[in-house]
Each structure stands twice: as C-alpha cells, then as structure tokens.
C-alpha cells in the first residue's frame, strides 16, 4: 500500500492530464485513496481538482493546471460537484486542502 506521503509526483508532467495521462492520474489517485486520504499534498490536490473541474473557466481547472488556488471560488465549485459514492472522500479531501489554505491537514 502506498501513502500520499510516499508519492513523489512531478505535477507539471501530469497536470493538466492529457488523454494519455488521464488513466495514469486516476491510477495514482486510486493508489492514494487506498492509503490515508486525510493526508494530501499539492500534487494530489491538483490531480483531484483535474478530475472534478467543470471546464477551463473554473477555479478548480485553474488550480489543476497552474497551482494557483482561488479558495472561495474553488470551494463553491466543489460544493456543486457530483461524484460516485466511492469518490466522495476525494471531494472531502480536496475541500479540507482548500480550507487549510493549501497546507496539509
């Protein structure tokens, strides 16, 4: 089992995920979710945002693509995200990351 603290992500090579990288990104997130989903770093947070954003004009997309976080807008967008039950922990983890100002919770 791999924890998020053991992942060494080169986020610039993964996000924004192109079609050929989307499967890799999801695999990384699934491995992370098998560990401690309360421990989230910027790389995981950006991958999560990349899987949930509503398009290129959104704060979540901007965060995923650039690392620039507009917290109030991102939280508002996150509140409207609909995900399968098994990925609700992803929404919670990203929300905690945003609320903590990008610091690990």
Protein backbone atom coordinates (compact mmCIF):
# COMPACT_ATOMS: atom_id res chain seq x y z
CA UNK A 1 0.00 0.00 0.00
CA UNK A 2 1.30 3.46 -0.93
CA UNK A 3 0.50 6.52 1.17
CA UNK A 4 0.27 10.02 -0.25
CA UNK A 5 3.39 10.98 1.64
CA UNK A 6 5.34 8.36 -0.30
CA UNK A 7 4.22 9.63 -3.70
CA UNK A 8 6.76 11.82 -5.43
CA UNK A 9 4.73 13.49 -8.14
CA UNK A 10 6.17 15.73 -10.81
CA UNK A 11 2.88 17.58 -11.15
CA UNK A 12 3.97 19.52 -14.24
CA UNK A 13 4.26 16.24 -16.13
CA UNK A 14 0.84 15.00 -15.01
CA UNK A 15 -1.49 18.02 -14.80
CA UNK A 16 -3.30 19.03 -16.82
CA UNK A 17 -3.80 15.42 -17.75
CA UNK A 18 -3.93 14.77 -21.46
CA UNK A 19 -5.92 11.83 -22.74
CA UNK A 20 -2.91 9.54 -22.47
CA UNK A 21 -2.17 10.74 -18.92
CA UNK A 22 -5.74 10.59 -17.56
CA UNK A 23 -5.52 6.86 -16.85
CA UNK A 24 -2.20 7.33 -15.04
CA UNK A 25 -3.64 10.16 -12.96
CA UNK A 26 -6.65 8.07 -11.95
CA UNK A 27 -4.39 5.16 -11.04
CA UNK A 28 -2.30 7.47 -8.81
CA UNK A 29 -5.46 8.75 -7.12
CA UNK A 30 -6.80 5.25 -6.59
CA UNK A 31 -3.49 4.18 -5.02
CA UNK A 32 -3.61 7.28 -2.79
CA UNK A 33 -7.21 6.54 -1.81
CA UNK A 34 -6.14 3.08 -0.62
CA UNK A 35 -3.99 4.82 1.99
CA UNK A 36 -4.65 7.80 4.25
CA UNK A 37 -6.99 10.17 2.42
CA UNK A 38 -6.65 12.77 5.15
CA UNK A 39 -3.02 13.42 4.14
CA UNK A 40 -2.99 15.36 0.90
CA UNK A 41 -0.22 17.31 -0.80
CA UNK A 42 -0.41 19.80 -3.66
CA UNK A 43 0.17 17.15 -6.31
CA UNK A 44 -2.74 15.02 -5.14
CA UNK A 45 -4.93 18.12 -4.64
CA UNK A 46 -4.25 19.24 -8.21
CA UNK A 47 -4.99 15.77 -9.57
CA UNK A 48 -8.26 15.72 -7.63
CA UNK A 49 -9.18 19.15 -9.00
CA UNK A 50 -8.36 17.93 -12.51
CA UNK A 51 -10.89 15.11 -12.14
CA UNK A 52 -13.65 17.39 -10.80
CA UNK A 53 -13.46 20.74 -12.56
CA UNK A 54 -16.35 21.96 -14.67
CA UNK A 55 -14.30 23.38 -17.53
CA UNK A 56 -11.44 25.70 -18.44
CA UNK A 57 -13.01 28.84 -16.96
CA UNK A 58 -13.30 27.40 -13.44
CA UNK A 59 -11.18 27.91 -10.33
CA UNK A 60 -10.72 24.15 -9.96
CA UNK A 61 -9.36 23.91 -13.51
CA UNK A 62 -7.06 26.87 -12.89
CA UNK A 63 -5.74 25.21 -9.74
CA UNK A 64 -5.27 21.87 -11.51
CA UNK A 65 -3.45 23.45 -14.43
CA UNK A 66 -1.35 26.13 -12.71
CA UNK A 67 -1.37 25.57 -8.96
CA UNK A 68 -3.00 28.97 -8.41
CA UNK A 69 -5.78 28.50 -5.88
CA UNK A 70 -8.70 30.91 -5.54
CA UNK A 71 -10.11 29.26 -2.44
CA UNK A 72 -13.58 30.79 -2.20
CA UNK A 73 -14.40 30.10 -5.85
CA UNK A 74 -12.89 26.61 -5.72
CA UNK A 75 -14.93 25.72 -2.63
CA UNK A 76 -18.11 26.99 -4.26
CA UNK A 77 -17.43 24.87 -7.35
CA UNK A 78 -16.53 21.88 -5.20
CA UNK A 79 -19.88 22.18 -3.44
CA UNK A 80 -21.63 21.59 -6.76
CA UNK A 81 -19.52 18.59 -7.81
CA UNK A 82 -21.32 15.29 -8.20
CA UNK A 83 -19.20 12.17 -7.94
CA UNK A 84 -19.87 8.47 -7.46
CA UNK A 85 -20.20 7.40 -3.83
CA UNK A 86 -16.78 5.73 -3.86
CA UNK A 87 -15.14 9.08 -4.72
CA UNK A 88 -16.85 11.27 -2.11
CA UNK A 89 -13.71 11.02 0.03
CA UNK A 90 -11.86 12.71 -2.84
CA UNK A 91 -14.20 15.73 -2.63
CA UNK A 92 -13.80 15.85 1.15
CA UNK A 93 -10.01 15.67 0.94
CA UNK A 94 -9.81 18.44 -1.64
CA UNK A 95 -12.20 20.57 0.42
CA UNK A 96 -10.00 20.14 3.51
CA UNK A 97 -6.93 21.06 1.48
CA UNK A 98 -8.59 24.23 0.18
CA UNK A 99 -9.94 25.23 3.61
CA UNK A 100 -6.47 24.76 5.13
CA UNK A 101 -5.04 27.17 2.59
CA UNK A 102 -3.12 24.54 0.71
CA UNK A 103 -1.41 23.18 3.81
CA UNK A 104 -1.59 19.52 4.71
CA UNK A 105 -4.41 18.73 7.08
